[in-house]
Amino acid sequence: MKGSVGVSEDGHRSVQCQSVKIREQRINYRSYLLSYYLHANTMTETSKEQLYMISHNTSNYQCKPVTRFIFIKTMKTGGSTTANIFIRYGMKHHLYTAAYNIRNFSCTNLTGFDYMAMHLRYNRTWMDSIIRDAKYITILRSPYTQLPSAFYYFKFAKPLLKYPDPFRQYIENLDNYTNFTDEHHQHRNGQMWYLNSLFEESGQDNVTSIQIAIKRIDREIDFVIILEHFDESLVVLKKYMCWNDNDVIYHITKRSRKRNTLTQVMKANIRKWNRADMLLYEHYNRSLWERIKNYDGDFNEDLRKFRRVAKLASLECSLDNAYVIGSFCWKMLNDTPKL
């Protein structure tokens, strides 16, 4: 049976198992998205987008653009900037997106959704039932910067603000402070937590268990972006998805605050404490450079061209009136809405 969307008495969406295509039930939601994004003057929108467009001569391409994809946003990894790319692509090509309340759907074999780009813990069986034949993409960040970012963002630092460097006090004295962080999934190996729903607390120090998890993730996740090599990742991703430069240009909407420099002791403790995240990150960092090594084309030239176009778009939109709702610049510069 296929799922259809209904609204319960308390106003929450639910799914009833009926033989109705869910695409037909999502007209109101799609209309909301279109009105949210597309209020700008059509001619202005088109001309602005063409300004940054590098022509995409489809006659030179044998591939077919990927239009079914799931982007799993990990936390404090540049996920919002990256999700903006996927959401813009979906809006440009009139794709149907699954909303956050898709997590409340109890039916399987739904039809009509094309993509997701949001914080969701990876669950292949469930996700395949929502979007079949999708490409799975995620992003990772070095634990040396991701863990401090999560530490401050989730206010783990609050009990330690009396110290000149709260994170240093924490990471150099872990045994004293786990009581106020261990209930949160981002206090340790938060990136592995998102990508491995089978990962357990007891396995966080077990290298064998971690390597088994990485091998399984490697079989199932199609592409992993590395934040520290964001541009390089996007050039390879563009080729993999059969998209063009204009599809993956970006503007950084959130910038992390500059933190105190990590000492060697702090780095050693992070590496030990976040062993799963560290091994996961190192595996996919190597994987990215292997992809670059085997890149079909002139990678350095494509990277140079992409950076030139992305820089131009970001600069021009920063100077332009980016608050015209629905404009090309507004879509690129605005923080990612919850879809």
C-alpha atoms as a PDB file:
ATOM      1  CA  MET A   1       0.000   0.000   0.000  1.00  0.00           C
ATOM      2  CA  LYS A   2       1.180   3.530  -0.716  1.00  0.00           C
ATOM      3  CA  GLY A   3       1.062   6.370   1.787  1.00  0.00           C
ATOM      4  CA  SER A   4      -1.045   9.488   1.621  1.00  0.00           C
ATOM      5  CA  VAL A   5      -0.769  12.570   3.791  1.00  0.00           C
ATOM      6  CA  GLY A   6      -3.438  13.404   6.297  1.00  0.00           C
ATOM      7  CA  VAL A   7      -3.783  15.936   9.118  1.00  0.00           C
ATOM      8  CA  SER A   8      -4.648  14.828  12.626  1.00  0.00           C
ATOM      9  CA  GLU A   9      -6.849  16.725  15.061  1.00  0.00           C
ATOM     10  CA  ASP A  10      -3.791  18.270  16.723  1.00  0.00           C
ATOM     11  CA  GLY A  11      -2.602  19.658  13.376  1.00  0.00           C
ATOM     12  CA  HIS A  12       0.299  17.266  12.816  1.00  0.00           C
ATOM     13  CA  ARG A  13       0.688  15.522   9.493  1.00  0.00           C
ATOM     14  CA  SER A  14       0.356  11.788   9.540  1.00  0.00           C
ATOM     15  CA  VAL A  15       0.230   9.077   6.929  1.00  0.00           C
ATOM     16  CA  GLN A  16      -2.603   6.721   6.240  1.00  0.00           C
ATOM     17  CA  CYS A  17      -1.905   3.592   4.203  1.00  0.00           C
ATOM     18  CA  GLN A  18      -4.125   4.079   1.193  1.00  0.00           C
ATOM     19  CA  SER A  19      -3.722   3.343  -2.509  1.00  0.00           C
ATOM     20  CA  VAL A  20      -3.158   7.005  -3.369  1.00  0.00           C
ATOM     21  CA  LYS A  21      -0.013   8.526  -4.848  1.00  0.00           C
ATOM     22  CA  ILE A  22       1.531  10.806  -2.295  1.00  0.00           C
ATOM     23  CA  ARG A  23       2.564  13.242  -5.040  1.00  0.00           C
ATOM     24  CA  GLU A  24      -1.081  14.156  -5.494  1.00  0.00           C
ATOM     25  CA  GLN A  25      -1.370  14.907  -1.795  1.00  0.00           C
ATOM     26  CA  ARG A  26       1.542  17.324  -1.716  1.00  0.00           C
ATOM     27  CA  ILE A  27       0.224  20.113  -3.940  1.00  0.00           C
ATOM     28  CA  ASN A  28      -0.332  22.503  -1.024  1.00  0.00           C
ATOM     29  CA  TYR A  29       3.152  21.891   0.346  1.00  0.00           C
ATOM     30  CA  ARG A  30       4.739  22.433  -3.066  1.00  0.00           C
ATOM     31  CA  SER A  31       2.740  25.624  -3.535  1.00  0.00           C
ATOM     32  CA  TYR A  32       4.062  26.836  -0.183  1.00  0.00           C
ATOM     33  CA  LEU A  33       7.644  26.189  -1.267  1.00  0.00           C
ATOM     34  CA  LEU A  34       7.172  27.916  -4.602  1.00  0.00           C
ATOM     35  CA  SER A  35       5.633  30.969  -2.982  1.00  0.00           C
ATOM     36  CA  TYR A  36       8.470  31.006  -0.432  1.00  0.00           C
ATOM     37  CA  TYR A  37      11.177  31.012  -3.076  1.00  0.00           C
ATOM     38  CA  LEU A  38       9.767  32.472  -6.271  1.00  0.00           C
ATOM     39  CA  HIS A  39       8.295  35.899  -5.498  1.00  0.00           C
ATOM     40  CA  ALA A  40      11.051  37.713  -7.400  1.00  0.00           C
ATOM     41  CA  ASN A  41      10.669  39.167 -10.861  1.00  0.00           C
ATOM     42  CA  THR A  42      11.103  36.295 -13.313  1.00  0.00           C
ATOM     43  CA  MET A  43      13.224  38.224 -15.777  1.00  0.00           C
ATOM     44  CA  THR A  44      15.540  39.492 -13.054  1.00  0.00           C
ATOM     45  CA  GLU A  45      15.877  36.009 -11.608  1.00  0.00           C
ATOM     46  CA  THR A  46      16.714  34.497 -14.970  1.00  0.00           C
ATOM     47  CA  SER A  47      19.243  37.139 -15.946  1.00  0.00           C
ATOM     48  CA  LYS A  48      20.948  36.968 -12.549  1.00  0.00           C
ATOM     49  CA  GLU A  49      21.341  33.216 -12.729  1.00  0.00           C
ATOM     50  CA  GLN A  50      22.627  33.376 -16.298  1.00  0.00           C
ATOM     51  CA  LEU A  51      25.267  35.875 -15.192  1.00  0.00           C
ATOM     52  CA  TYR A  52      27.073  33.140 -13.268  1.00  0.00           C
ATOM     53  CA  MET A  53      26.141  30.222 -15.505  1.00  0.00           C
ATOM     54  CA  ILE A  54      28.927  28.360 -17.215  1.00  0.00           C
ATOM     55  CA  SER A  55      27.257  26.876 -20.247  1.00  0.00           C
ATOM     56  CA  HIS A  56      26.438  23.231 -19.933  1.00  0.00           C
ATOM     57  CA  ASN A  57      26.475  21.764 -23.419  1.00  0.00           C
ATOM     58  CA  THR A  58      24.502  18.590 -22.950  1.00  0.00           C
ATOM     59  CA  SER A  59      25.646  17.349 -26.349  1.00  0.00           C
ATOM     60  CA  ASN A  60      29.087  16.785 -24.791  1.00  0.00           C
ATOM     61  CA  TYR A  61      27.652  14.753 -21.927  1.00  0.00           C
ATOM     62  CA  GLN A  62      26.728  11.095 -22.005  1.00  0.00           C
ATOM     63  CA  CYS A  63      25.560  11.126 -18.400  1.00  0.00           C
ATOM     64  CA  LYS A  64      22.105  11.854 -17.056  1.00  0.00           C
ATOM     65  CA  PRO A  65      21.767  14.423 -14.247  1.00  0.00           C
ATOM     66  CA  VAL A  66      20.926  12.860 -10.902  1.00  0.00           C
ATOM     67  CA  THR A  67      17.536  14.077  -9.686  1.00  0.00           C
ATOM     68  CA  ARG A  68      16.924  11.682  -6.808  1.00  0.00           C
ATOM     69  CA  PHE A  69      19.223  12.179  -3.856  1.00  0.00           C
ATOM     70  CA  ILE A  70      19.403  12.234  -0.071  1.00  0.00           C
ATOM     71  CA  PHE A  71      21.801  14.603   1.655  1.00  0.00           C
ATOM     72  CA  ILE A  72      22.395  13.598   5.267  1.00  0.00           C
ATOM     73  CA  LYS A  73      23.332  16.709   7.227  1.00  0.00           C
ATOM     74  CA  THR A  74      25.756  15.898   9.971  1.00  0.00           C
ATOM     75  CA  MET A  75      26.137  18.534  12.690  1.00  0.00           C
ATOM     76  CA  LYS A  76      28.678  21.353  12.818  1.00  0.00           C
ATOM     77  CA  THR A  77      30.226  20.277   9.517  1.00  0.00           C
ATOM     78  CA  GLY A  78      29.145  22.941   7.017  1.00  0.00           C
ATOM     79  CA  GLY A  79      25.858  21.132   6.457  1.00  0.00           C
ATOM     80  CA  SER A  80      23.705  24.244   6.058  1.00  0.00           C
ATOM     81  CA  THR A  81      25.870  25.693   3.292  1.00  0.00           C
ATOM     82  CA  THR A  82      25.869  22.313   1.566  1.00  0.00           C
ATOM     83  CA  ALA A  83      22.139  21.704   1.986  1.00  0.00           C
ATOM     84  CA  ASN A  84      21.546  25.075   0.329  1.00  0.00           C
ATOM     85  CA  ILE A  85      23.163  23.662  -2.825  1.00  0.00           C
ATOM     86  CA  PHE A  86      20.850  20.651  -2.929  1.00  0.00           C
ATOM     87  CA  ILE A  87      17.726  22.658  -2.115  1.00  0.00           C
ATOM     88  CA  ARG A  88      18.492  25.193  -4.846  1.00  0.00           C
ATOM     89  CA  TYR A  89      18.921  22.354  -7.320  1.00  0.00           C
ATOM     90  CA  GLY A  90      15.618  20.848  -6.266  1.00  0.00           C
ATOM     91  CA  MET A  91      13.771  24.142  -6.634  1.00  0.00           C
ATOM     92  CA  LYS A  92      15.378  24.927  -9.980  1.00  0.00           C
ATOM     93  CA  HIS A  93      14.281  21.587 -11.422  1.00  0.00           C
ATOM     94  CA  HIS A  94      10.881  21.484  -9.689  1.00  0.00           C
ATOM     95  CA  LEU A  95      11.715  18.407  -7.651  1.00  0.00           C
ATOM     96  CA  TYR A  96       9.610  17.262  -4.721  1.00  0.00           C
ATOM     97  CA  THR A  97      11.234  17.330  -1.311  1.00  0.00           C
ATOM     98  CA  ALA A  98      10.397  15.383   1.826  1.00  0.00           C
ATOM     99  CA  ALA A  99       9.820  17.598   4.863  1.00  0.00           C
ATOM    100  CA  TYR A 100      11.041  17.163   8.430  1.00  0.00           C
ATOM    101  CA  ASN A 101       7.731  15.560   9.379  1.00  0.00           C
ATOM    102  CA  ILE A 102       8.569  12.657   7.065  1.00  0.00           C
ATOM    103  CA  ARG A 103      10.057  11.163  10.237  1.00  0.00           C
ATOM    104  CA  ASN A 104       6.506  10.678  11.514  1.00  0.00           C
ATOM    105  CA  PHE A 105       5.468   8.604   8.502  1.00  0.00           C
ATOM    106  CA  SER A 106       4.757   5.027   9.459  1.00  0.00           C
ATOM    107  CA  CYS A 107       4.019   3.652   5.978  1.00  0.00           C
ATOM    108  CA  THR A 108       6.498   2.324   3.470  1.00  0.00           C
ATOM    109  CA  ASN A 109       6.551   2.390  -0.339  1.00  0.00           C
ATOM    110  CA  LEU A 110       5.726   6.089  -0.545  1.00  0.00           C
ATOM    111  CA  THR A 111       5.878   7.564  -4.039  1.00  0.00           C
ATOM    112  CA  GLY A 112       6.615  10.987  -5.405  1.00  0.00           C
ATOM    113  CA  PHE A 113       9.481  12.348  -3.308  1.00  0.00           C
ATOM    114  CA  ASP A 114      12.670  13.204  -5.174  1.00  0.00           C
ATOM    115  CA  TYR A 115      15.090  14.359  -2.507  1.00  0.00           C
ATOM    116  CA  MET A 116      15.819  15.158   1.119  1.00  0.00           C
ATOM    117  CA  ALA A 117      18.461  17.532   2.510  1.00  0.00           C
ATOM    118  CA  MET A 118      18.241  17.761   6.272  1.00  0.00           C
ATOM    119  CA  HIS A 119      19.348  16.437   9.652  1.00  0.00           C
ATOM    120  CA  LEU A 120      18.276  12.810   9.659  1.00  0.00           C
ATOM    121  CA  ARG A 121      20.087   9.830  11.102  1.00  0.00           C
ATOM    122  CA  TYR A 122      21.000   7.414   8.334  1.00  0.00           C
ATOM    123  CA  ASN A 123      18.588   4.493   8.030  1.00  0.00           C
ATOM    124  CA  ARG A 124      18.905   2.853   4.638  1.00  0.00           C
ATOM    125  CA  THR A 125      15.829   0.638   4.779  1.00  0.00           C
ATOM    126  CA  TRP A 126      13.529   3.476   5.808  1.00  0.00           C
ATOM    127  CA  MET A 127      15.108   6.039   3.475  1.00  0.00           C
ATOM    128  CA  ASP A 128      14.910   3.683   0.496  1.00  0.00           C
ATOM    129  CA  SER A 129      11.180   3.343   1.189  1.00  0.00           C
ATOM    130  CA  ILE A 130      10.811   7.147   0.944  1.00  0.00           C
ATOM    131  CA  ILE A 131      13.032   7.828  -2.080  1.00  0.00           C
ATOM    132  CA  ARG A 132      13.915   4.855  -4.202  1.00  0.00           C
ATOM    133  CA  ASP A 133      17.103   4.704  -6.277  1.00  0.00           C
ATOM    134  CA  ALA A 134      18.494   7.821  -4.623  1.00  0.00           C
ATOM    135  CA  LYS A 135      22.121   8.804  -4.405  1.00  0.00           C
ATOM    136  CA  TYR A 136      23.261   9.150  -0.787  1.00  0.00           C
ATOM    137  CA  ILE A 137      25.541  12.056   0.072  1.00  0.00           C
ATOM    138  CA  THR A 138      26.877  13.441   3.335  1.00  0.00           C
ATOM    139  CA  ILE A 139      29.620  15.709   4.663  1.00  0.00           C
ATOM    140  CA  LEU A 140      32.400  15.211   7.201  1.00  0.00           C
ATOM    141  CA  ARG A 141      34.649  17.624   9.066  1.00  0.00           C
ATOM    142  CA  SER A 142      37.933  17.073  10.865  1.00  0.00           C
ATOM    143  CA  PRO A 143      37.198  16.093  14.484  1.00  0.00           C
ATOM    144  CA  TYR A 144      39.891  18.572  15.518  1.00  0.00           C
ATOM    145  CA  THR A 145      37.479  21.380  14.610  1.00  0.00           C
ATOM    146  CA  GLN A 146      34.083  19.641  14.635  1.00  0.00           C
ATOM    147  CA  LEU A 147      34.243  18.604  18.293  1.00  0.00           C
ATOM    148  CA  PRO A 148      35.116  22.088  19.628  1.00  0.00           C
ATOM    149  CA  SER A 149      32.376  23.554  17.437  1.00  0.00           C
ATOM    150  CA  ALA A 150      29.798  21.122  18.839  1.00  0.00           C
ATOM    151  CA  PHE A 151      31.130  21.716  22.358  1.00  0.00           C
ATOM    152  CA  TYR A 152      30.292  25.415  22.200  1.00  0.00           C
ATOM    153  CA  TYR A 153      27.184  25.193  20.011  1.00  0.00           C
ATOM    154  CA  PHE A 154      25.423  22.708  22.302  1.00  0.00           C
ATOM    155  CA  LYS A 155      26.542  24.655  25.369  1.00  0.00           C
ATOM    156  CA  PHE A 156      28.656  21.873  26.829  1.00  0.00           C
ATOM    157  CA  ALA A 157      30.954  24.734  27.837  1.00  0.00           C
ATOM    158  CA  LYS A 158      28.436  26.360  30.174  1.00  0.00           C
ATOM    159  CA  PRO A 159      29.710  24.753  33.417  1.00  0.00           C
ATOM    160  CA  LEU A 160      33.290  25.610  32.440  1.00  0.00           C
ATOM    161  CA  LEU A 161      33.006  29.273  31.499  1.00  0.00           C
ATOM    162  CA  LYS A 162      35.066  30.272  34.538  1.00  0.00           C
ATOM    163  CA  TYR A 163      38.123  28.825  32.796  1.00  0.00           C
ATOM    164  CA  PRO A 164      40.024  30.910  30.215  1.00  0.00           C
ATOM    165  CA  ASP A 165      39.759  28.065  27.681  1.00  0.00           C
ATOM    166  CA  PRO A 166      36.688  25.928  28.493  1.00  0.00           C
ATOM    167  CA  PHE A 167      37.306  23.392  25.740  1.00  0.00           C
ATOM    168  CA  ARG A 168      40.893  22.842  26.807  1.00  0.00           C
ATOM    169  CA  GLN A 169      39.777  22.313  30.382  1.00  0.00           C
ATOM    170  CA  TYR A 170      37.227  19.795  29.136  1.00  0.00           C
ATOM    171  CA  ILE A 171      39.309  17.793  26.676  1.00  0.00           C
ATOM    172  CA  GLU A 172      42.328  17.582  28.983  1.00  0.00           C
ATOM    173  CA  ASN A 173      40.183  16.378  31.896  1.00  0.00           C
ATOM    174  CA  LEU A 174      37.565  14.180  30.236  1.00  0.00           C
ATOM    175  CA  ASP A 175      37.064  11.884  33.199  1.00  0.00           C
ATOM    176  CA  ASN A 176      35.827  14.809  35.272  1.00  0.00           C
ATOM    177  CA  TYR A 177      33.243  16.158  32.834  1.00  0.00           C
ATOM    178  CA  THR A 178      31.424  13.379  30.990  1.00  0.00           C
ATOM    179  CA  ASN A 179      28.474  13.669  33.368  1.00  0.00           C
ATOM    180  CA  PHE A 180      27.117  16.795  31.638  1.00  0.00           C
ATOM    181  CA  THR A 181      27.756  15.760  28.037  1.00  0.00           C
ATOM    182  CA  ASP A 182      27.260  12.029  27.728  1.00  0.00           C
ATOM    183  CA  GLU A 183      23.489  12.310  27.298  1.00  0.00           C
ATOM    184  CA  HIS A 184      23.905  14.213  24.005  1.00  0.00           C
ATOM    185  CA  HIS A 185      24.724  12.355  20.796  1.00  0.00           C
ATOM    186  CA  GLN A 186      27.195  15.030  19.677  1.00  0.00           C
ATOM    187  CA  HIS A 187      29.454  14.888  22.710  1.00  0.00           C
ATOM    188  CA  ARG A 188      31.518  12.086  21.202  1.00  0.00           C
ATOM    189  CA  ASN A 189      31.790  10.671  17.673  1.00  0.00           C
ATOM    190  CA  GLY A 190      28.815  12.729  16.550  1.00  0.00           C
ATOM    191  CA  GLN A 191      29.482  12.224  12.854  1.00  0.00           C
ATOM    192  CA  MET A 192      29.613   8.451  13.170  1.00  0.00           C
ATOM    193  CA  TRP A 193      26.398   8.666  15.213  1.00  0.00           C
ATOM    194  CA  TYR A 194      24.610  10.163  12.197  1.00  0.00           C
ATOM    195  CA  LEU A 195      25.881   7.616   9.692  1.00  0.00           C
ATOM    196  CA  ASN A 196      25.657   4.423  11.734  1.00  0.00           C
ATOM    197  CA  SER A 197      22.395   3.822  13.558  1.00  0.00           C
ATOM    198  CA  LEU A 198      23.847   0.558  14.914  1.00  0.00           C
ATOM    199  CA  PHE A 199      26.751   2.294  16.605  1.00  0.00           C
ATOM    200  CA  GLU A 200      26.709   1.812  20.363  1.00  0.00           C
ATOM    201  CA  GLU A 201      28.439   3.573  23.224  1.00  0.00           C
ATOM    202  CA  SER A 202      30.353   0.432  24.069  1.00  0.00           C
ATOM    203  CA  GLY A 203      31.883   0.281  20.590  1.00  0.00           C
ATOM    204  CA  GLN A 204      33.397   3.749  20.480  1.00  0.00           C
ATOM    205  CA  ASP A 205      36.853   2.520  21.466  1.00  0.00           C
ATOM    206  CA  ASN A 206      36.726  -0.759  19.566  1.00  0.00           C
ATOM    207  CA  VAL A 207      38.781  -0.281  16.402  1.00  0.00           C
ATOM    208  CA  THR A 208      37.489  -3.519  14.882  1.00  0.00           C
ATOM    209  CA  SER A 209      33.851  -2.439  15.349  1.00  0.00           C
ATOM    210  CA  ILE A 210      34.665   0.987  13.939  1.00  0.00           C
ATOM    211  CA  GLN A 211      36.345  -0.463  10.847  1.00  0.00           C
ATOM    212  CA  ILE A 212      33.378  -2.781  10.238  1.00  0.00           C
ATOM    213  CA  ALA A 213      31.049   0.227  10.459  1.00  0.00           C
ATOM    214  CA  ILE A 214      33.198   2.238   8.037  1.00  0.00           C
ATOM    215  CA  LYS A 215      33.198  -0.606   5.504  1.00  0.00           C
ATOM    216  CA  ARG A 216      29.416  -0.825   5.669  1.00  0.00           C
ATOM    217  CA  ILE A 217      29.023   2.941   5.294  1.00  0.00           C
ATOM    218  CA  ASP A 218      31.442   2.872   2.373  1.00  0.00           C
ATOM    219  CA  ARG A 219      29.252   0.329   0.592  1.00  0.00           C
ATOM    220  CA  GLU A 220      26.080   2.340   1.100  1.00  0.00           C
ATOM    221  CA  ILE A 221      26.962   6.045   0.956  1.00  0.00           C
ATOM    222  CA  ASP A 222      27.668   7.191  -2.593  1.00  0.00           C
ATOM    223  CA  PHE A 223      29.593  10.386  -1.962  1.00  0.00           C
ATOM    224  CA  VAL A 224      31.163  12.092   1.052  1.00  0.00           C
ATOM    225  CA  ILE A 225      32.106  15.775   0.965  1.00  0.00           C
ATOM    226  CA  ILE A 226      35.117  16.824   3.042  1.00  0.00           C
ATOM    227  CA  LEU A 227      34.671  20.276   4.535  1.00  0.00           C
ATOM    228  CA  GLU A 228      38.394  21.042   4.628  1.00  0.00           C
ATOM    229  CA  HIS A 229      38.479  20.399   0.863  1.00  0.00           C
ATOM    230  CA  PHE A 230      35.042  21.763   0.075  1.00  0.00           C
ATOM    231  CA  ASP A 231      35.755  23.148  -3.393  1.00  0.00           C
ATOM    232  CA  GLU A 232      37.578  20.006  -4.468  1.00  0.00           C
ATOM    233  CA  SER A 233      34.685  17.898  -3.184  1.00  0.00           C
ATOM    234  CA  LEU A 234      32.122  19.946  -5.100  1.00  0.00           C
ATOM    235  CA  VAL A 235      34.030  19.703  -8.381  1.00  0.00           C
ATOM    236  CA  VAL A 236      34.116  15.917  -8.077  1.00  0.00           C
ATOM    237  CA  LEU A 237      30.496  15.817  -6.894  1.00  0.00           C
ATOM    238  CA  LYS A 238      29.407  17.929  -9.859  1.00  0.00           C
ATOM    239  CA  LYS A 239      30.946  15.415 -12.229  1.00  0.00           C
ATOM    240  CA  TYR A 240      29.486  12.484 -10.292  1.00  0.00           C
ATOM    241  CA  MET A 241      25.965  13.966 -10.322  1.00  0.00           C
ATOM    242  CA  CYS A 242      26.226  15.175 -13.934  1.00  0.00           C
ATOM    243  CA  TRP A 243      25.469  18.719 -12.803  1.00  0.00           C
ATOM    244  CA  ASN A 244      27.130  21.961 -13.838  1.00  0.00           C
ATOM    245  CA  ASP A 245      29.149  24.619 -12.035  1.00  0.00           C
ATOM    246  CA  ASN A 246      26.134  26.810 -11.495  1.00  0.00           C
ATOM    247  CA  ASP A 247      24.419  24.003  -9.594  1.00  0.00           C
ATOM    248  CA  VAL A 248      27.122  23.766  -6.938  1.00  0.00           C
ATOM    249  CA  ILE A 249      28.293  27.358  -6.399  1.00  0.00           C
ATOM    250  CA  TYR A 250      27.796  28.459  -2.820  1.00  0.00           C
ATOM    251  CA  HIS A 251      28.081  31.221  -0.265  1.00  0.00           C
ATOM    252  CA  ILE A 252      29.109  30.420   3.300  1.00  0.00           C
ATOM    253  CA  THR A 253      26.097  31.395   5.403  1.00  0.00           C
ATOM    254  CA  LYS A 254      27.563  30.470   8.795  1.00  0.00           C
ATOM    255  CA  ARG A 255      31.160  30.909   9.894  1.00  0.00           C
ATOM    256  CA  SER A 256      32.610  29.339  13.004  1.00  0.00           C
ATOM    257  CA  ARG A 257      34.248  31.607  15.532  1.00  0.00           C
ATOM    258  CA  LYS A 258      38.020  31.424  15.696  1.00  0.00           C
ATOM    259  CA  ARG A 259      38.949  29.297  18.691  1.00  0.00           C
ATOM    260  CA  ASN A 260      42.142  28.951  20.682  1.00  0.00           C
ATOM    261  CA  THR A 261      44.880  26.909  19.053  1.00  0.00           C
ATOM    262  CA  LEU A 262      44.882  23.241  19.960  1.00  0.00           C
ATOM    263  CA  THR A 263      47.887  21.941  21.834  1.00  0.00           C
ATOM    264  CA  GLN A 264      49.442  18.586  20.983  1.00  0.00           C
ATOM    265  CA  VAL A 265      47.922  17.138  24.155  1.00  0.00           C
ATOM    266  CA  MET A 266      44.482  18.396  23.142  1.00  0.00           C
ATOM    267  CA  LYS A 267      44.853  16.882  19.674  1.00  0.00           C
ATOM    268  CA  ALA A 268      45.936  13.560  21.127  1.00  0.00           C
ATOM    269  CA  ASN A 269      42.941  13.544  23.473  1.00  0.00           C
ATOM    270  CA  ILE A 270      40.530  14.443  20.674  1.00  0.00           C
ATOM    271  CA  ARG A 271      41.942  11.661  18.562  1.00  0.00           C
ATOM    272  CA  LYS A 272      41.465   9.164  21.369  1.00  0.00           C
ATOM    273  CA  TRP A 273      38.062  10.469  22.490  1.00  0.00           C
ATOM    274  CA  ASN A 274      36.681  10.736  18.953  1.00  0.00           C
ATOM    275  CA  ARG A 275      38.389   7.660  17.559  1.00  0.00           C
ATOM    276  CA  ALA A 276      35.429   6.593  15.403  1.00  0.00           C
ATOM    277  CA  ASP A 277      35.000  10.047  13.870  1.00  0.00           C
ATOM    278  CA  MET A 278      38.730  10.316  13.288  1.00  0.00           C
ATOM    279  CA  LEU A 279      38.981   6.989  11.471  1.00  0.00           C
ATOM    280  CA  LEU A 280      35.837   7.774   9.491  1.00  0.00           C
ATOM    281  CA  TYR A 281      37.157  11.185   8.464  1.00  0.00           C
ATOM    282  CA  GLU A 282      40.597   9.887   7.511  1.00  0.00           C
ATOM    283  CA  HIS A 283      39.055   7.114   5.407  1.00  0.00           C
ATOM    284  CA  TYR A 284      36.918   9.513   3.380  1.00  0.00           C
ATOM    285  CA  ASN A 285      39.633  12.122   3.095  1.00  0.00           C
ATOM    286  CA  ARG A 286      41.786   9.466   1.420  1.00  0.00           C
ATOM    287  CA  SER A 287      38.795   8.428  -0.674  1.00  0.00           C
ATOM    288  CA  LEU A 288      38.288  11.980  -1.943  1.00  0.00           C
ATOM    289  CA  TRP A 289      41.895  12.281  -3.090  1.00  0.00           C
ATOM    290  CA  GLU A 290      41.633   8.898  -4.773  1.00  0.00           C
ATOM    291  CA  ARG A 291      38.629  10.219  -6.701  1.00  0.00           C
ATOM    292  CA  ILE A 292      40.601  13.307  -7.661  1.00  0.00           C
ATOM    293  CA  LYS A 293      43.478  11.132  -8.832  1.00  0.00           C
ATOM    294  CA  ASN A 294      41.071   9.207 -11.094  1.00  0.00           C
ATOM    295  CA  TYR A 295      39.104  12.298 -12.178  1.00  0.00           C
ATOM    296  CA  ASP A 296      37.850  12.183 -15.763  1.00  0.00           C
ATOM    297  CA  GLY A 297      39.184  15.431 -17.156  1.00  0.00           C
ATOM    298  CA  ASP A 298      41.527  18.252 -16.147  1.00  0.00           C
ATOM    299  CA  PHE A 299      40.743  18.514 -12.442  1.00  0.00           C
ATOM    300  CA  ASN A 300      42.934  21.530 -11.731  1.00  0.00           C
ATOM    301  CA  GLU A 301      41.408  23.486 -14.613  1.00  0.00           C
ATOM    302  CA  ASP A 302      37.880  22.551 -13.567  1.00  0.00           C
ATOM    303  CA  LEU A 303      38.678  23.560  -9.983  1.00  0.00           C
ATOM    304  CA  ARG A 304      40.090  26.897 -11.124  1.00  0.00           C
ATOM    305  CA  LYS A 305      37.050  27.579 -13.285  1.00  0.00           C
ATOM    306  CA  PHE A 306      34.649  26.620 -10.504  1.00  0.00           C
ATOM    307  CA  ARG A 307      36.361  28.826  -7.947  1.00  0.00           C
ATOM    308  CA  ARG A 308      36.290  31.783 -10.311  1.00  0.00           C
ATOM    309  CA  VAL A 309      32.557  31.446 -10.933  1.00  0.00           C
ATOM    310  CA  ALA A 310      31.730  30.742  -7.282  1.00  0.00           C
ATOM    311  CA  LYS A 311      33.755  33.736  -6.102  1.00  0.00           C
ATOM    312  CA  LEU A 312      32.082  36.005  -8.654  1.00  0.00           C
ATOM    313  CA  ALA A 313      28.597  34.864  -7.647  1.00  0.00           C
ATOM    314  CA  SER A 314      29.287  35.188  -3.924  1.00  0.00           C
ATOM    315  CA  LEU A 315      30.843  38.626  -4.321  1.00  0.00           C
ATOM    316  CA  GLU A 316      28.171  40.020  -6.614  1.00  0.00           C
ATOM    317  CA  CYS A 317      25.343  38.676  -4.479  1.00  0.00           C
ATOM    318  CA  SER A 318      26.930  40.066  -1.306  1.00  0.00           C
ATOM    319  CA  LEU A 319      26.895  43.520  -2.912  1.00  0.00           C
ATOM    320  CA  ASP A 320      23.457  43.097  -4.474  1.00  0.00           C
ATOM    321  CA  ASN A 321      20.072  43.319  -2.787  1.00  0.00           C
ATOM    322  CA  ALA A 322      19.941  39.713  -1.676  1.00  0.00           C
ATOM    323  CA  TYR A 323      16.757  40.231   0.310  1.00  0.00           C
ATOM    324  CA  VAL A 324      14.434  40.156  -2.678  1.00  0.00           C
ATOM    325  CA  ILE A 325      12.587  36.973  -1.783  1.00  0.00           C
ATOM    326  CA  GLY A 326      12.996  34.309  -4.424  1.00  0.00           C
ATOM    327  CA  SER A 327      15.881  35.919  -6.291  1.00  0.00           C
ATOM    328  CA  PHE A 328      18.938  33.927  -7.275  1.00  0.00           C
ATOM    329  CA  CYS A 329      21.083  35.765  -4.729  1.00  0.00           C
ATOM    330  CA  TRP A 330      18.484  35.437  -1.981  1.00  0.00           C
ATOM    331  CA  LYS A 331      18.375  31.694  -2.468  1.00  0.00           C
ATOM    332  CA  MET A 332      22.148  31.355  -2.373  1.00  0.00           C
ATOM    333  CA  LEU A 333      22.836  33.698   0.541  1.00  0.00           C
ATOM    334  CA  ASN A 334      19.878  32.892   2.747  1.00  0.00           C
ATOM    335  CA  ASP A 335      20.310  30.325   5.498  1.00  0.00           C
ATOM    336  CA  THR A 336      18.763  26.980   4.660  1.00  0.00           C
ATOM    337  CA  PRO A 337      15.087  26.785   5.665  1.00  0.00           C
ATOM    338  CA  LYS A 338      13.852  23.597   7.252  1.00  0.00           C
ATOM    339  CA  LEU A 339      12.483  21.486   4.414  1.00  0.00           C
END
